[in-house]
Amino acid sequence: MKMNMLKVLITGCHGQVGSLLVEQLSNKATVMAVDRNELDITDESAVEKAVSSFQPDIIINAAAHTAVDRAEEETSLSYQINRDGPMFLARAAEKINAAMIHISTDYVFSGDDEGEYSETDKPDPQGVYGQSKLAGELVVAEACERHIILRTAWVFGEHGNNFVKTMLRLGRERDRLGIVGDQFGGPTYAGDIAATLIKIAKKIQADEEVQWGVYHYSGAPSVSWFEFASYIFEQAKCQGVLEKLPELSSITTVEYPTPAKRPANSKLSMDKIESEFGINASDWKSALANIKSYQ
C-alpha cells in the first residue's frame, strides 16, 4: 500500500514531536491530528469513538505529561496521561487491528549504569515521570500486539519548551550561567524523531515482518548539558542570534537540586533500530544550523 493511502491518528499534535510529525506527514498520509482539546486520551469512550470513526492504520501517540518536576506533585495526572491514555489508545488500536507507535523516554532507567542503555536493560525509573512512562510502555505492549515503543532523550525542536530555547532566553537575560556538567546523553532533534516515526510507519504499512517491541532513538555524539549549552551558544554567536555570550561554568548535579532526580547517564544504544529499520542517530549539531528558528 502506498504511503499516501496511509491513515494516521496523531495525538499530542502541538507538542515538540507532534507538530513536526504533522508537518512532515501532511502530503504523505491522511492525518487526524488531535491535541487534548480535540481528544482527551484519558477518556476511554472518547478515544474509542474517535478511533472507531477514523479507522486509522496507525496510531502515533506523541501526547505525554512531560513536566518532570511537577510530576512529583501531580502523580495522578501523570499516570492518567502517561499510562491510562496510552492504554486506551492501544486497546482501541487492537480492536481495529491498527498498529500503535508510542513515544517513551530515557527516564525509565535509573541513569546510574555505565555505557549505553540497550532495550534489554532492566528499567529502574527514579521518579514519578519515569515510573508513569514505564507503566505506559507496559500497558501498550499488553493491550496492542502490533506495537512499537520508541524511547528517546533530550528532545529539542522549534515548538514547545526545551533546553535550546531556554539557553537562548537565558543567554539574553544573564551574564553568567552555571550548567550541569555531570549528566550525559544524546540531544535529539524533534524533526528527526518525526522522520523516524514516519520511516517506521512506512515499514509497518509495507512489511508484515516488523519486529514489534521497544526501540531506542536519540542523538549523537553524546555530550553533557554543559557541552550541549556551549555548542548552542557557539552557534548563536556565529549565526548572529546573540551578540554577547554569557560566561558558562560547569556545575554538578548536587549544586543544582531539582524535585525529581535526573539520570546521570541517558545514553541510548541505537544498534537495534539501525539493524531493524536502517535508522541512524539524530544529527543534533546539524539541527542547530538555523538557530534562529528556536527563538
C-alpha atoms as a PDB file:
ATOM      1  CA  MET A   1       0.000   0.000   0.000  1.00  0.00           C
ATOM      2  CA  LYS A   2       1.369   3.423  -0.900  1.00  0.00           C
ATOM      3  CA  MET A   3       2.163   5.973   1.763  1.00  0.00           C
ATOM      4  CA  ASN A   4      -0.438   8.441   0.521  1.00  0.00           C
ATOM      5  CA  MET A   5      -3.132   5.890   1.377  1.00  0.00           C
ATOM      6  CA  LEU A   6      -1.943   5.593   4.954  1.00  0.00           C
ATOM      7  CA  LYS A   7      -4.302   6.812   7.658  1.00  0.00           C
ATOM      8  CA  VAL A   8      -2.579   8.057  10.786  1.00  0.00           C
ATOM      9  CA  LEU A   9      -4.056   9.316  14.055  1.00  0.00           C
ATOM     10  CA  ILE A  10      -1.571  11.597  15.837  1.00  0.00           C
ATOM     11  CA  THR A  11      -2.114  12.614  19.455  1.00  0.00           C
ATOM     12  CA  GLY A  12      -0.190  15.470  21.054  1.00  0.00           C
ATOM     13  CA  CYS A  13      -0.154  17.239  17.689  1.00  0.00           C
ATOM     14  CA  HIS A  14       1.021  20.594  19.071  1.00  0.00           C
ATOM     15  CA  GLY A  15       3.942  19.206  21.064  1.00  0.00           C
ATOM     16  CA  GLN A  16       7.610  19.218  20.099  1.00  0.00           C
ATOM     17  CA  VAL A  17       7.423  15.983  18.100  1.00  0.00           C
ATOM     18  CA  GLY A  18       3.727  16.027  17.198  1.00  0.00           C
ATOM     19  CA  SER A  19       3.819  19.389  15.440  1.00  0.00           C
ATOM     20  CA  LEU A  20       6.759  18.386  13.225  1.00  0.00           C
ATOM     21  CA  LEU A  21       5.227  14.969  12.604  1.00  0.00           C
ATOM     22  CA  VAL A  22       2.033  16.571  11.307  1.00  0.00           C
ATOM     23  CA  GLU A  23       4.135  18.895   9.141  1.00  0.00           C
ATOM     24  CA  GLN A  24       6.186  16.057   7.642  1.00  0.00           C
ATOM     25  CA  LEU A  25       3.188  13.757   7.100  1.00  0.00           C
ATOM     26  CA  SER A  26       0.874  16.389   5.620  1.00  0.00           C
ATOM     27  CA  ASN A  27       1.367  15.348   1.978  1.00  0.00           C
ATOM     28  CA  LYS A  28       2.097  11.686   2.612  1.00  0.00           C
ATOM     29  CA  ALA A  29      -0.924  10.410   4.524  1.00  0.00           C
ATOM     30  CA  THR A  30      -4.468  11.066   5.609  1.00  0.00           C
ATOM     31  CA  VAL A  31      -3.912  12.525   9.059  1.00  0.00           C
ATOM     32  CA  MET A  32      -6.199  13.070  12.021  1.00  0.00           C
ATOM     33  CA  ALA A  33      -4.158  15.313  14.311  1.00  0.00           C
ATOM     34  CA  VAL A  34      -5.524  15.992  17.783  1.00  0.00           C
ATOM     35  CA  ASP A  35      -4.424  17.696  20.974  1.00  0.00           C
ATOM     36  CA  ARG A  36      -6.035  17.481  24.404  1.00  0.00           C
ATOM     37  CA  ASN A  37      -8.778  19.942  23.426  1.00  0.00           C
ATOM     38  CA  GLU A  38      -9.860  17.805  20.488  1.00  0.00           C
ATOM     39  CA  LEU A  39      -9.377  14.396  22.082  1.00  0.00           C
ATOM     40  CA  ASP A  40      -8.862  13.715  25.763  1.00  0.00           C
ATOM     41  CA  ILE A  41      -6.881  10.468  25.645  1.00  0.00           C
ATOM     42  CA  THR A  42      -7.701   9.842  29.325  1.00  0.00           C
ATOM     43  CA  ASP A  43     -11.383   9.462  28.345  1.00  0.00           C
ATOM     44  CA  GLU A  44     -11.706   5.864  27.148  1.00  0.00           C
ATOM     45  CA  SER A  45     -15.076   6.269  25.460  1.00  0.00           C
ATOM     46  CA  ALA A  46     -13.894   9.387  23.595  1.00  0.00           C
ATOM     47  CA  VAL A  47     -10.805   7.531  22.397  1.00  0.00           C
ATOM     48  CA  GLU A  48     -12.802   4.515  21.272  1.00  0.00           C
ATOM     49  CA  LYS A  49     -15.280   6.725  19.413  1.00  0.00           C
ATOM     50  CA  ALA A  50     -12.541   8.717  17.622  1.00  0.00           C
ATOM     51  CA  VAL A  51     -10.567   5.623  16.607  1.00  0.00           C
ATOM     52  CA  SER A  52     -13.661   3.710  15.530  1.00  0.00           C
ATOM     53  CA  SER A  53     -14.822   6.647  13.430  1.00  0.00           C
ATOM     54  CA  PHE A  54     -11.478   7.493  11.762  1.00  0.00           C
ATOM     55  CA  GLN A  55     -10.255   3.886  11.376  1.00  0.00           C
ATOM     56  CA  PRO A  56      -6.523   4.683  11.287  1.00  0.00           C
ATOM     57  CA  ASP A  57      -3.928   2.203  10.062  1.00  0.00           C
ATOM     58  CA  ILE A  58      -1.527   3.503  12.685  1.00  0.00           C
ATOM     59  CA  ILE A  59      -1.910   5.493  15.907  1.00  0.00           C
ATOM     60  CA  ILE A  60       1.125   7.559  16.894  1.00  0.00           C
ATOM     61  CA  ASN A  61       0.943   8.704  20.490  1.00  0.00           C
ATOM     62  CA  ALA A  62       3.043  11.831  20.948  1.00  0.00           C
ATOM     63  CA  ALA A  63       0.992  13.048  23.928  1.00  0.00           C
ATOM     64  CA  ALA A  64       2.596  12.955  27.374  1.00  0.00           C
ATOM     65  CA  HIS A  65       2.835  14.681  30.714  1.00  0.00           C
ATOM     66  CA  THR A  66       6.499  15.682  30.460  1.00  0.00           C
ATOM     67  CA  ALA A  67       6.854  18.162  33.333  1.00  0.00           C
ATOM     68  CA  VAL A  68       9.393  16.047  35.216  1.00  0.00           C
ATOM     69  CA  ASP A  69       9.484  18.078  38.425  1.00  0.00           C
ATOM     70  CA  ARG A  70       5.740  18.853  38.518  1.00  0.00           C
ATOM     71  CA  ALA A  71       5.053  15.134  38.109  1.00  0.00           C
ATOM     72  CA  GLU A  72       6.335  14.605  41.654  1.00  0.00           C
ATOM     73  CA  GLU A  73       3.319  16.605  42.869  1.00  0.00           C
ATOM     74  CA  GLU A  74       0.900  15.737  40.047  1.00  0.00           C
ATOM     75  CA  THR A  75       1.168  11.970  40.388  1.00  0.00           C
ATOM     76  CA  SER A  76      -2.433  11.197  39.454  1.00  0.00           C
ATOM     77  CA  LEU A  77      -2.349  13.427  36.371  1.00  0.00           C
ATOM     78  CA  SER A  78       0.968  11.900  35.263  1.00  0.00           C
ATOM     79  CA  TYR A  79      -0.448   8.386  35.395  1.00  0.00           C
ATOM     80  CA  GLN A  80      -3.665   9.412  33.673  1.00  0.00           C
ATOM     81  CA  ILE A  81      -1.791  10.893  30.703  1.00  0.00           C
ATOM     82  CA  ASN A  82       1.276   8.634  30.606  1.00  0.00           C
ATOM     83  CA  ARG A  83      -0.346   5.281  31.442  1.00  0.00           C
ATOM     84  CA  ASP A  84      -4.123   5.372  31.095  1.00  0.00           C
ATOM     85  CA  GLY A  85      -4.247   7.400  27.872  1.00  0.00           C
ATOM     86  CA  PRO A  86      -1.779   5.135  26.024  1.00  0.00           C
ATOM     87  CA  MET A  87      -3.673   2.080  27.321  1.00  0.00           C
ATOM     88  CA  PHE A  88      -6.968   3.369  25.927  1.00  0.00           C
ATOM     89  CA  LEU A  89      -5.326   4.183  22.572  1.00  0.00           C
ATOM     90  CA  ALA A  90      -3.700   0.746  22.447  1.00  0.00           C
ATOM     91  CA  ARG A  91      -6.967  -1.023  23.242  1.00  0.00           C
ATOM     92  CA  ALA A  92      -8.759   0.961  20.544  1.00  0.00           C
ATOM     93  CA  ALA A  93      -5.974   0.185  18.054  1.00  0.00           C
ATOM     94  CA  GLU A  94      -6.169  -3.537  18.824  1.00  0.00           C
ATOM     95  CA  LYS A  95      -9.927  -3.569  18.235  1.00  0.00           C
ATOM     96  CA  ILE A  96      -9.487  -2.418  14.628  1.00  0.00           C
ATOM     97  CA  ASN A  97      -6.141  -4.218  14.060  1.00  0.00           C
ATOM     98  CA  ALA A  98      -4.258  -0.923  13.799  1.00  0.00           C
ATOM     99  CA  ALA A  99      -0.611  -0.617  14.802  1.00  0.00           C
ATOM    100  CA  MET A 100       0.438   1.723  17.587  1.00  0.00           C
ATOM    101  CA  ILE A 101       3.661   3.683  17.917  1.00  0.00           C
ATOM    102  CA  HIS A 102       4.190   5.115  21.387  1.00  0.00           C
ATOM    103  CA  ILE A 103       6.918   7.578  22.398  1.00  0.00           C
ATOM    104  CA  SER A 104       8.692   6.895  25.684  1.00  0.00           C
ATOM    105  CA  THR A 105      11.772   8.144  27.487  1.00  0.00           C
ATOM    106  CA  ASP A 106      15.252   7.509  28.881  1.00  0.00           C
ATOM    107  CA  TYR A 107      13.760   8.259  32.322  1.00  0.00           C
ATOM    108  CA  VAL A 108      12.600   4.630  32.545  1.00  0.00           C
ATOM    109  CA  PHE A 109      16.227   3.897  33.512  1.00  0.00           C
ATOM    110  CA  SER A 110      17.995   4.903  36.728  1.00  0.00           C
ATOM    111  CA  GLY A 111      20.808   6.535  34.755  1.00  0.00           C
ATOM    112  CA  ASP A 112      23.337   5.074  37.176  1.00  0.00           C
ATOM    113  CA  ASP A 113      24.863   2.483  34.828  1.00  0.00           C
ATOM    114  CA  GLU A 114      27.894   2.962  32.580  1.00  0.00           C
ATOM    115  CA  GLY A 115      27.840   2.885  28.774  1.00  0.00           C
ATOM    116  CA  GLU A 116      24.756   2.962  26.563  1.00  0.00           C
ATOM    117  CA  TYR A 117      21.422   1.558  27.649  1.00  0.00           C
ATOM    118  CA  SER A 118      20.008  -1.108  25.355  1.00  0.00           C
ATOM    119  CA  GLU A 119      16.388  -2.175  25.009  1.00  0.00           C
ATOM    120  CA  THR A 120      17.044  -5.296  27.084  1.00  0.00           C
ATOM    121  CA  ASP A 121      18.463  -3.421  30.081  1.00  0.00           C
ATOM    122  CA  LYS A 122      16.210  -3.524  33.135  1.00  0.00           C
ATOM    123  CA  PRO A 123      14.203  -0.329  33.685  1.00  0.00           C
ATOM    124  CA  ASP A 124      14.524   1.313  37.092  1.00  0.00           C
ATOM    125  CA  PRO A 125      12.781   4.708  36.994  1.00  0.00           C
ATOM    126  CA  GLN A 126      13.660   7.060  39.854  1.00  0.00           C
ATOM    127  CA  GLY A 127      10.727   9.480  39.787  1.00  0.00           C
ATOM    128  CA  VAL A 128       7.016   9.731  39.023  1.00  0.00           C
ATOM    129  CA  TYR A 129       7.563  10.822  35.411  1.00  0.00           C
ATOM    130  CA  GLY A 130       9.738   7.792  34.587  1.00  0.00           C
ATOM    131  CA  GLN A 131       7.519   5.439  36.578  1.00  0.00           C
ATOM    132  CA  SER A 132       4.367   6.624  34.803  1.00  0.00           C
ATOM    133  CA  LYS A 133       6.063   6.375  31.391  1.00  0.00           C
ATOM    134  CA  LEU A 134       7.240   2.826  32.133  1.00  0.00           C
ATOM    135  CA  ALA A 135       3.704   1.944  33.210  1.00  0.00           C
ATOM    136  CA  GLY A 136       2.546   3.316  29.844  1.00  0.00           C
ATOM    137  CA  GLU A 137       5.011   1.110  27.969  1.00  0.00           C
ATOM    138  CA  LEU A 138       3.801  -1.989  29.790  1.00  0.00           C
ATOM    139  CA  VAL A 139       0.099  -1.399  29.160  1.00  0.00           C
ATOM    140  CA  VAL A 140       0.664  -0.574  25.470  1.00  0.00           C
ATOM    141  CA  ALA A 141       2.653  -3.803  24.996  1.00  0.00           C
ATOM    142  CA  GLU A 142      -0.074  -5.777  26.751  1.00  0.00           C
ATOM    143  CA  ALA A 143      -3.058  -4.173  25.017  1.00  0.00           C
ATOM    144  CA  CYS A 144      -1.854  -3.959  21.403  1.00  0.00           C
ATOM    145  CA  GLU A 145       0.004  -6.780  19.701  1.00  0.00           C
ATOM    146  CA  ARG A 146       1.272  -4.617  16.805  1.00  0.00           C
ATOM    147  CA  HIS A 147       3.147  -2.001  18.807  1.00  0.00           C
ATOM    148  CA  ILE A 148       6.405  -0.065  18.630  1.00  0.00           C
ATOM    149  CA  ILE A 149       7.630   1.781  21.737  1.00  0.00           C
ATOM    150  CA  LEU A 150      10.234   4.405  20.867  1.00  0.00           C
ATOM    151  CA  ARG A 151      12.339   5.620  23.784  1.00  0.00           C
ATOM    152  CA  THR A 152      14.139   8.893  23.213  1.00  0.00           C
ATOM    153  CA  ALA A 153      16.031  11.503  25.216  1.00  0.00           C
ATOM    154  CA  TRP A 154      16.943  15.192  25.482  1.00  0.00           C
ATOM    155  CA  VAL A 155      14.358  16.274  22.897  1.00  0.00           C
ATOM    156  CA  PHE A 156      14.509  19.753  21.392  1.00  0.00           C
ATOM    157  CA  GLY A 157      12.728  21.437  18.498  1.00  0.00           C
ATOM    158  CA  GLU A 158      11.225  24.630  17.176  1.00  0.00           C
ATOM    159  CA  HIS A 159       7.935  24.080  19.029  1.00  0.00           C
ATOM    160  CA  GLY A 160       7.248  23.807  22.748  1.00  0.00           C
ATOM    161  CA  ASN A 161       9.666  24.306  25.623  1.00  0.00           C
ATOM    162  CA  ASN A 162      13.119  22.772  25.558  1.00  0.00           C
ATOM    163  CA  PHE A 163      16.754  23.232  26.563  1.00  0.00           C
ATOM    164  CA  VAL A 164      17.794  25.070  23.380  1.00  0.00           C
ATOM    165  CA  LYS A 165      15.067  27.687  23.784  1.00  0.00           C
ATOM    166  CA  THR A 166      15.829  28.068  27.482  1.00  0.00           C
ATOM    167  CA  MET A 167      19.533  28.617  26.804  1.00  0.00           C
ATOM    168  CA  LEU A 168      18.833  31.269  24.158  1.00  0.00           C
ATOM    169  CA  ARG A 169      16.467  33.072  26.536  1.00  0.00           C
ATOM    170  CA  LEU A 170      18.876  32.929  29.478  1.00  0.00           C
ATOM    171  CA  GLY A 171      21.716  33.998  27.194  1.00  0.00           C
ATOM    172  CA  ARG A 172      19.880  37.245  26.558  1.00  0.00           C
ATOM    173  CA  GLU A 173      18.999  37.774  30.222  1.00  0.00           C
ATOM    174  CA  ARG A 174      22.155  36.825  32.140  1.00  0.00           C
ATOM    175  CA  ASP A 175      25.881  37.438  32.086  1.00  0.00           C
ATOM    176  CA  ARG A 176      26.789  34.148  33.777  1.00  0.00           C
ATOM    177  CA  LEU A 177      25.273  30.683  33.678  1.00  0.00           C
ATOM    178  CA  GLY A 178      26.063  27.504  35.592  1.00  0.00           C
ATOM    179  CA  ILE A 179      25.210  24.412  33.520  1.00  0.00           C
ATOM    180  CA  VAL A 180      25.205  20.831  34.804  1.00  0.00           C
ATOM    181  CA  GLY A 181      28.278  19.009  33.551  1.00  0.00           C
ATOM    182  CA  ASP A 182      27.902  15.558  35.101  1.00  0.00           C
ATOM    183  CA  GLN A 183      24.776  14.342  33.285  1.00  0.00           C
ATOM    184  CA  PHE A 184      25.320  12.842  29.822  1.00  0.00           C
ATOM    185  CA  GLY A 185      23.049  11.995  26.908  1.00  0.00           C
ATOM    186  CA  GLY A 186      22.382  12.360  23.217  1.00  0.00           C
ATOM    187  CA  PRO A 187      20.399  15.505  22.315  1.00  0.00           C
ATOM    188  CA  THR A 188      17.639  14.516  19.900  1.00  0.00           C
ATOM    189  CA  TYR A 189      16.041  16.817  17.331  1.00  0.00           C
ATOM    190  CA  ALA A 190      12.231  16.501  17.301  1.00  0.00           C
ATOM    191  CA  GLY A 191      12.200  16.680  13.491  1.00  0.00           C
ATOM    192  CA  ASP A 192      14.463  13.620  13.358  1.00  0.00           C
ATOM    193  CA  ILE A 193      12.140  11.777  15.751  1.00  0.00           C
ATOM    194  CA  ALA A 194       9.231  12.664  13.428  1.00  0.00           C
ATOM    195  CA  ALA A 195      11.158  11.367  10.402  1.00  0.00           C
ATOM    196  CA  THR A 196      11.975   8.177  12.334  1.00  0.00           C
ATOM    197  CA  LEU A 197       8.306   7.643  13.215  1.00  0.00           C
ATOM    198  CA  ILE A 198       7.382   8.047   9.543  1.00  0.00           C
ATOM    199  CA  LYS A 199      10.059   5.576   8.431  1.00  0.00           C
ATOM    200  CA  ILE A 200       8.749   3.044  10.948  1.00  0.00           C
ATOM    201  CA  ALA A 201       5.169   3.716   9.804  1.00  0.00           C
ATOM    202  CA  LYS A 202       6.167   3.083   6.180  1.00  0.00           C
ATOM    203  CA  LYS A 203       7.735  -0.248   7.072  1.00  0.00           C
ATOM    204  CA  ILE A 204       4.695  -1.246   9.118  1.00  0.00           C
ATOM    205  CA  GLN A 205       2.480  -0.458   6.143  1.00  0.00           C
ATOM    206  CA  ALA A 206       4.651  -2.249   3.589  1.00  0.00           C
ATOM    207  CA  ASP A 207       6.090  -5.156   5.552  1.00  0.00           C
ATOM    208  CA  GLU A 208       4.306  -7.679   7.726  1.00  0.00           C
ATOM    209  CA  GLU A 209       7.647  -8.834   9.186  1.00  0.00           C
ATOM    210  CA  VAL A 210       8.185  -5.880  11.512  1.00  0.00           C
ATOM    211  CA  GLN A 211       9.824  -6.827  14.802  1.00  0.00           C
ATOM    212  CA  TRP A 212       7.404  -5.341  17.308  1.00  0.00           C
ATOM    213  CA  GLY A 213       8.550  -4.083  20.690  1.00  0.00           C
ATOM    214  CA  VAL A 214      10.841  -1.475  22.238  1.00  0.00           C
ATOM    215  CA  TYR A 215      13.414   0.621  20.328  1.00  0.00           C
ATOM    216  CA  HIS A 216      15.829   3.363  21.312  1.00  0.00           C
ATOM    217  CA  TYR A 217      16.378   6.522  19.282  1.00  0.00           C
ATOM    218  CA  SER A 218      18.495   9.526  20.231  1.00  0.00           C
ATOM    219  CA  GLY A 219      21.233  11.851  19.025  1.00  0.00           C
ATOM    220  CA  ALA A 220      24.970  11.623  18.571  1.00  0.00           C
ATOM    221  CA  PRO A 221      27.508  12.498  19.738  1.00  0.00           C
ATOM    222  CA  SER A 222      26.654  12.119  23.415  1.00  0.00           C
ATOM    223  CA  VAL A 223      27.546  15.170  25.499  1.00  0.00           C
ATOM    224  CA  SER A 224      26.948  16.741  28.900  1.00  0.00           C
ATOM    225  CA  TRP A 225      24.388  19.511  29.332  1.00  0.00           C
ATOM    226  CA  PHE A 226      27.343  21.880  29.723  1.00  0.00           C
ATOM    227  CA  GLU A 227      28.822  20.754  26.393  1.00  0.00           C
ATOM    228  CA  PHE A 228      25.411  20.992  24.726  1.00  0.00           C
ATOM    229  CA  ALA A 229      24.926  24.536  26.046  1.00  0.00           C
ATOM    230  CA  SER A 230      28.421  25.525  24.907  1.00  0.00           C
ATOM    231  CA  TYR A 231      27.645  24.381  21.361  1.00  0.00           C
ATOM    232  CA  ILE A 232      24.276  26.181  21.367  1.00  0.00           C
ATOM    233  CA  PHE A 233      25.929  29.448  22.380  1.00  0.00           C
ATOM    234  CA  GLU A 234      28.759  28.977  19.900  1.00  0.00           C
ATOM    235  CA  GLN A 235      26.190  28.631  17.114  1.00  0.00           C
ATOM    236  CA  ALA A 236      24.117  31.537  18.436  1.00  0.00           C
ATOM    237  CA  LYS A 237      27.163  33.784  18.232  1.00  0.00           C
ATOM    238  CA  CYS A 238      28.249  32.521  14.798  1.00  0.00           C
ATOM    239  CA  GLN A 239      24.763  32.959  13.379  1.00  0.00           C
ATOM    240  CA  GLY A 240      24.240  36.418  14.855  1.00  0.00           C
ATOM    241  CA  VAL A 241      21.426  35.402  17.186  1.00  0.00           C
ATOM    242  CA  LEU A 242      23.295  36.591  20.290  1.00  0.00           C
ATOM    243  CA  GLU A 243      25.815  39.437  20.241  1.00  0.00           C
ATOM    244  CA  LYS A 244      27.255  38.811  23.686  1.00  0.00           C
ATOM    245  CA  LEU A 245      27.542  35.378  25.212  1.00  0.00           C
ATOM    246  CA  PRO A 246      27.178  34.602  28.908  1.00  0.00           C
ATOM    247  CA  GLU A 247      30.123  33.206  30.824  1.00  0.00           C
ATOM    248  CA  LEU A 248      29.493  29.487  31.296  1.00  0.00           C
ATOM    249  CA  SER A 249      30.652  27.357  34.197  1.00  0.00           C
ATOM    250  CA  SER A 250      30.211  23.621  34.642  1.00  0.00           C
ATOM    251  CA  ILE A 251      28.400  22.672  37.847  1.00  0.00           C
ATOM    252  CA  THR A 252      27.447  19.355  39.445  1.00  0.00           C
ATOM    253  CA  THR A 253      24.004  17.835  39.868  1.00  0.00           C
ATOM    254  CA  VAL A 254      24.391  18.361  43.618  1.00  0.00           C
ATOM    255  CA  GLU A 255      24.824  22.095  43.015  1.00  0.00           C
ATOM    256  CA  TYR A 256      21.577  22.217  41.025  1.00  0.00           C
ATOM    257  CA  PRO A 257      18.983  20.326  43.095  1.00  0.00           C
ATOM    258  CA  THR A 258      15.611  19.529  41.489  1.00  0.00           C
ATOM    259  CA  PRO A 259      12.443  17.903  42.902  1.00  0.00           C
ATOM    260  CA  ALA A 260      12.893  14.920  40.566  1.00  0.00           C
ATOM    261  CA  LYS A 261      16.166  13.052  40.145  1.00  0.00           C
ATOM    262  CA  ARG A 262      17.715  13.347  36.666  1.00  0.00           C
ATOM    263  CA  PRO A 263      19.532  10.366  35.122  1.00  0.00           C
ATOM    264  CA  ALA A 264      23.308  10.878  35.204  1.00  0.00           C
ATOM    265  CA  ASN A 265      23.542   8.702  32.100  1.00  0.00           C
ATOM    266  CA  SER A 266      20.879   8.983  29.393  1.00  0.00           C
ATOM    267  CA  LYS A 267      22.932   7.413  26.581  1.00  0.00           C
ATOM    268  CA  LEU A 268      20.780   5.059  24.498  1.00  0.00           C
ATOM    269  CA  SER A 269      22.127   2.358  22.190  1.00  0.00           C
ATOM    270  CA  MET A 270      20.997   2.722  18.566  1.00  0.00           C
ATOM    271  CA  ASP A 271      22.041  -0.784  17.459  1.00  0.00           C
ATOM    272  CA  LYS A 272      18.570  -2.318  17.345  1.00  0.00           C
ATOM    273  CA  ILE A 273      16.820   0.456  15.407  1.00  0.00           C
ATOM    274  CA  GLU A 274      19.729   0.673  12.953  1.00  0.00           C
ATOM    275  CA  SER A 275      19.567  -3.078  12.373  1.00  0.00           C
ATOM    276  CA  GLU A 276      15.777  -3.364  12.048  1.00  0.00           C
ATOM    277  CA  PHE A 277      14.877  -0.106  10.315  1.00  0.00           C
ATOM    278  CA  GLY A 278      18.165   1.269   8.952  1.00  0.00           C
ATOM    279  CA  ILE A 279      17.716   4.399  11.082  1.00  0.00           C
ATOM    280  CA  ASN A 280      20.768   6.373  12.187  1.00  0.00           C
ATOM    281  CA  ALA A 281      21.225   8.610  15.240  1.00  0.00           C
ATOM    282  CA  SER A 282      19.832  12.136  15.229  1.00  0.00           C
ATOM    283  CA  ASP A 283      22.458  14.614  13.985  1.00  0.00           C
ATOM    284  CA  TRP A 284      21.696  17.265  16.583  1.00  0.00           C
ATOM    285  CA  LYS A 285      24.515  19.561  15.506  1.00  0.00           C
ATOM    286  CA  SER A 286      23.034  19.837  12.006  1.00  0.00           C
ATOM    287  CA  ALA A 287      19.660  20.585  13.564  1.00  0.00           C
ATOM    288  CA  LEU A 288      21.163  23.724  15.108  1.00  0.00           C
ATOM    289  CA  ALA A 289      22.359  25.081  11.757  1.00  0.00           C
ATOM    290  CA  ASN A 290      19.455  27.567  11.805  1.00  0.00           C
ATOM    291  CA  ILE A 291      19.333  28.521  15.446  1.00  0.00           C
ATOM    292  CA  LYS A 292      17.025  31.496  14.759  1.00  0.00           C
ATOM    293  CA  SER A 293      14.153  29.027  14.337  1.00  0.00           C
ATOM    294  CA  TYR A 294      14.344  28.171  18.047  1.00  0.00           C
ATOM    295  CA  GLN A 295      13.712  31.712  19.295  1.00  0.00           C
END
